[in-house]
Amino acid sequence: CPAGCELCVGRNNCTRCRTDMYHLHGQCNHTCPPGFEPDVQLMQCVPQIHCEVGEWTSWGQCVRKQNTTVHRRGEETRTRHILRPPSASGDPCPHVAEIRKCATKKMQKIRSE
């Protein structure tokens, strides 16, 4: 069996590693190679999962901020959903909400006759 291996099939295909090593593709590793991360429960190297987010929604309605004295100034928001959360050492998610300033439309006064 290869170094660090307790049980193998043939000479180079390890099926069980020593307790302090991680299993990956029939080999035993002290640390996982790039693109993989250790699963300490299974003592295996598993693929890293990077965060994936969806497309931005359309900008929402322009809403005036509370307690502002400046008229016709507000904020609008857009969001996106997390499609796949990252694994422990995968790339984290980018921000999923954006706010920008906008001009609110003037309210039309309704005349009563």
C-alpha atoms as a PDB file:
ATOM      1  CA  CYS A   1       0.000   0.000   0.000  1.00  0.00           C
ATOM      2  CA  PRO A   2       1.090   3.624  -0.529  1.00  0.00           C
ATOM      3  CA  ALA A   3       2.429   5.671   2.403  1.00  0.00           C
ATOM      4  CA  GLY A   4      -0.252   6.639   4.926  1.00  0.00           C
ATOM      5  CA  CYS A   5      -2.627   3.958   3.696  1.00  0.00           C
ATOM      6  CA  GLU A   6      -4.096   1.263   5.948  1.00  0.00           C
ATOM      7  CA  LEU A   7      -6.094  -0.711   3.382  1.00  0.00           C
ATOM      8  CA  CYS A   8      -5.634  -0.815  -0.374  1.00  0.00           C
ATOM      9  CA  VAL A   9      -6.715  -2.562  -3.538  1.00  0.00           C
ATOM     10  CA  GLY A  10      -3.703  -3.275  -5.662  1.00  0.00           C
ATOM     11  CA  ARG A  11      -0.569  -1.264  -5.053  1.00  0.00           C
ATOM     12  CA  ASN A  12      -1.732   2.293  -5.650  1.00  0.00           C
ATOM     13  CA  ASN A  13      -5.459   2.370  -4.845  1.00  0.00           C
ATOM     14  CA  CYS A  14      -5.960   3.148  -1.164  1.00  0.00           C
ATOM     15  CA  THR A  15      -9.440   2.503   0.282  1.00  0.00           C
ATOM     16  CA  ARG A  16      -8.712   3.535   3.895  1.00  0.00           C
ATOM     17  CA  CYS A  17      -6.140   6.053   5.134  1.00  0.00           C
ATOM     18  CA  ARG A  18      -4.496   6.429   8.525  1.00  0.00           C
ATOM     19  CA  THR A  19      -6.717   8.328  10.980  1.00  0.00           C
ATOM     20  CA  ASP A  20      -4.775  11.610  10.570  1.00  0.00           C
ATOM     21  CA  MET A  21      -4.920  11.679   6.750  1.00  0.00           C
ATOM     22  CA  TYR A  22      -7.544  12.630   4.157  1.00  0.00           C
ATOM     23  CA  HIS A  23      -8.615  10.295   1.357  1.00  0.00           C
ATOM     24  CA  LEU A  24      -8.909  11.539  -2.247  1.00  0.00           C
ATOM     25  CA  HIS A  25      -8.941   9.493  -5.479  1.00  0.00           C
ATOM     26  CA  GLY A  26      -7.330   6.452  -3.883  1.00  0.00           C
ATOM     27  CA  GLN A  27      -4.533   8.475  -2.273  1.00  0.00           C
ATOM     28  CA  CYS A  28      -3.897   9.670   1.301  1.00  0.00           C
ATOM     29  CA  ASN A  29      -3.064  13.323   1.944  1.00  0.00           C
ATOM     30  CA  HIS A  30      -1.997  15.315   5.000  1.00  0.00           C
ATOM     31  CA  THR A  31      -3.746  18.341   3.480  1.00  0.00           C
ATOM     32  CA  CYS A  32      -6.218  18.621   0.635  1.00  0.00           C
ATOM     33  CA  PRO A  33      -5.018  19.916  -2.749  1.00  0.00           C
ATOM     34  CA  PRO A  34      -6.234  23.228  -4.225  1.00  0.00           C
ATOM     35  CA  GLY A  35      -9.915  23.104  -5.153  1.00  0.00           C
ATOM     36  CA  PHE A  36     -10.675  20.661  -2.341  1.00  0.00           C
ATOM     37  CA  GLU A  37     -11.304  21.033   1.377  1.00  0.00           C
ATOM     38  CA  PRO A  38     -11.150  18.538   4.249  1.00  0.00           C
ATOM     39  CA  ASP A  39     -14.306  16.852   5.497  1.00  0.00           C
ATOM     40  CA  VAL A  40     -13.218  15.986   9.046  1.00  0.00           C
ATOM     41  CA  GLN A  41     -16.248  13.732   9.619  1.00  0.00           C
ATOM     42  CA  LEU A  42     -15.464  11.468   6.647  1.00  0.00           C
ATOM     43  CA  MET A  43     -11.702  12.223   6.578  1.00  0.00           C
ATOM     44  CA  GLN A  44     -11.952  12.850   2.833  1.00  0.00           C
ATOM     45  CA  CYS A  45     -11.069  15.743   0.561  1.00  0.00           C
ATOM     46  CA  VAL A  46     -14.275  17.089  -0.967  1.00  0.00           C
ATOM     47  CA  PRO A  47     -14.640  19.682  -3.761  1.00  0.00           C
ATOM     48  CA  GLN A  48     -14.860  23.309  -2.645  1.00  0.00           C
ATOM     49  CA  ILE A  49     -18.158  24.979  -3.448  1.00  0.00           C
ATOM     50  CA  HIS A  50     -18.072  28.668  -4.280  1.00  0.00           C
ATOM     51  CA  CYS A  51     -21.074  30.901  -3.707  1.00  0.00           C
ATOM     52  CA  GLU A  52     -23.402  31.413  -6.653  1.00  0.00           C
ATOM     53  CA  VAL A  53     -25.948  34.222  -6.823  1.00  0.00           C
ATOM     54  CA  GLY A  54     -28.768  34.898  -9.257  1.00  0.00           C
ATOM     55  CA  GLU A  55     -29.435  37.933 -11.407  1.00  0.00           C
ATOM     56  CA  TRP A  56     -30.384  41.297  -9.901  1.00  0.00           C
ATOM     57  CA  THR A  57     -34.081  42.089  -9.697  1.00  0.00           C
ATOM     58  CA  SER A  58     -35.329  45.319 -11.239  1.00  0.00           C
ATOM     59  CA  TRP A  59     -34.934  48.441  -9.129  1.00  0.00           C
ATOM     60  CA  GLY A  60     -37.851  48.793  -6.721  1.00  0.00           C
ATOM     61  CA  GLN A  61     -40.132  51.746  -6.225  1.00  0.00           C
ATOM     62  CA  CYS A  62     -38.524  55.008  -5.135  1.00  0.00           C
ATOM     63  CA  VAL A  63     -39.430  55.444  -1.469  1.00  0.00           C
ATOM     64  CA  ARG A  64     -38.856  58.621   0.489  1.00  0.00           C
ATOM     65  CA  LYS A  65     -36.692  58.176   3.550  1.00  0.00           C
ATOM     66  CA  GLN A  66     -38.297  58.738   6.929  1.00  0.00           C
ATOM     67  CA  ASN A  67     -37.589  62.016   8.745  1.00  0.00           C
ATOM     68  CA  THR A  68     -36.022  63.775   5.766  1.00  0.00           C
ATOM     69  CA  THR A  69     -36.619  67.411   5.130  1.00  0.00           C
ATOM     70  CA  VAL A  70     -35.388  67.270   1.558  1.00  0.00           C
ATOM     71  CA  HIS A  71     -38.413  66.743  -0.665  1.00  0.00           C
ATOM     72  CA  ARG A  72     -38.422  64.450  -3.663  1.00  0.00           C
ATOM     73  CA  ARG A  73     -35.361  62.490  -2.494  1.00  0.00           C
ATOM     74  CA  GLY A  74     -35.648  58.795  -1.799  1.00  0.00           C
ATOM     75  CA  GLU A  75     -34.053  55.414  -2.193  1.00  0.00           C
ATOM     76  CA  GLU A  76     -34.729  52.412  -4.356  1.00  0.00           C
ATOM     77  CA  THR A  77     -33.515  48.880  -3.777  1.00  0.00           C
ATOM     78  CA  ARG A  78     -32.748  45.785  -5.807  1.00  0.00           C
ATOM     79  CA  THR A  79     -31.807  42.291  -4.617  1.00  0.00           C
ATOM     80  CA  ARG A  80     -30.573  38.924  -5.809  1.00  0.00           C
ATOM     81  CA  HIS A  81     -30.898  35.452  -4.325  1.00  0.00           C
ATOM     82  CA  ILE A  82     -28.175  33.057  -3.231  1.00  0.00           C
ATOM     83  CA  LEU A  83     -28.474  30.041  -5.528  1.00  0.00           C
ATOM     84  CA  ARG A  84     -25.723  27.999  -3.874  1.00  0.00           C
ATOM     85  CA  PRO A  85     -24.173  28.827  -0.498  1.00  0.00           C
ATOM     86  CA  PRO A  86     -20.405  28.320  -0.251  1.00  0.00           C
ATOM     87  CA  SER A  87     -18.677  25.428   1.497  1.00  0.00           C
ATOM     88  CA  ALA A  88     -16.440  26.151   4.499  1.00  0.00           C
ATOM     89  CA  SER A  89     -13.472  27.350   2.438  1.00  0.00           C
ATOM     90  CA  GLY A  90     -15.292  28.304  -0.768  1.00  0.00           C
ATOM     91  CA  ASP A  91     -15.526  31.877  -2.026  1.00  0.00           C
ATOM     92  CA  PRO A  92     -18.051  33.846   0.076  1.00  0.00           C
ATOM     93  CA  CYS A  93     -21.178  35.399  -1.382  1.00  0.00           C
ATOM     94  CA  PRO A  94     -21.101  38.965  -2.710  1.00  0.00           C
ATOM     95  CA  HIS A  95     -23.651  41.432  -1.350  1.00  0.00           C
ATOM     96  CA  VAL A  96     -27.223  40.567  -2.248  1.00  0.00           C
ATOM     97  CA  ALA A  97     -28.887  43.985  -1.900  1.00  0.00           C
ATOM     98  CA  GLU A  98     -28.133  47.409  -3.358  1.00  0.00           C
ATOM     99  CA  ILE A  99     -29.633  50.772  -2.511  1.00  0.00           C
ATOM    100  CA  ARG A 100     -29.307  53.934  -4.580  1.00  0.00           C
ATOM    101  CA  LYS A 101     -30.694  57.429  -4.307  1.00  0.00           C
ATOM    102  CA  CYS A 102     -33.567  58.447  -6.526  1.00  0.00           C
ATOM    103  CA  ALA A 103     -36.021  61.290  -7.054  1.00  0.00           C
ATOM    104  CA  THR A 104     -39.586  60.587  -5.962  1.00  0.00           C
ATOM    105  CA  LYS A 105     -42.395  61.619  -8.241  1.00  0.00           C
ATOM    106  CA  LYS A 106     -44.452  64.541  -7.070  1.00  0.00           C
ATOM    107  CA  MET A 107     -47.852  63.498  -5.781  1.00  0.00           C
ATOM    108  CA  GLN A 108     -50.735  64.730  -7.915  1.00  0.00           C
ATOM    109  CA  LYS A 109     -53.288  66.678  -5.941  1.00  0.00           C
ATOM    110  CA  ILE A 110     -56.846  65.699  -6.682  1.00  0.00           C
ATOM    111  CA  ARG A 111     -59.159  68.637  -7.028  1.00  0.00           C
ATOM    112  CA  SER A 112     -62.613  68.263  -5.613  1.00  0.00           C
ATOM    113  CA  GLU A 113     -65.294  70.276  -7.306  1.00  0.00           C
END
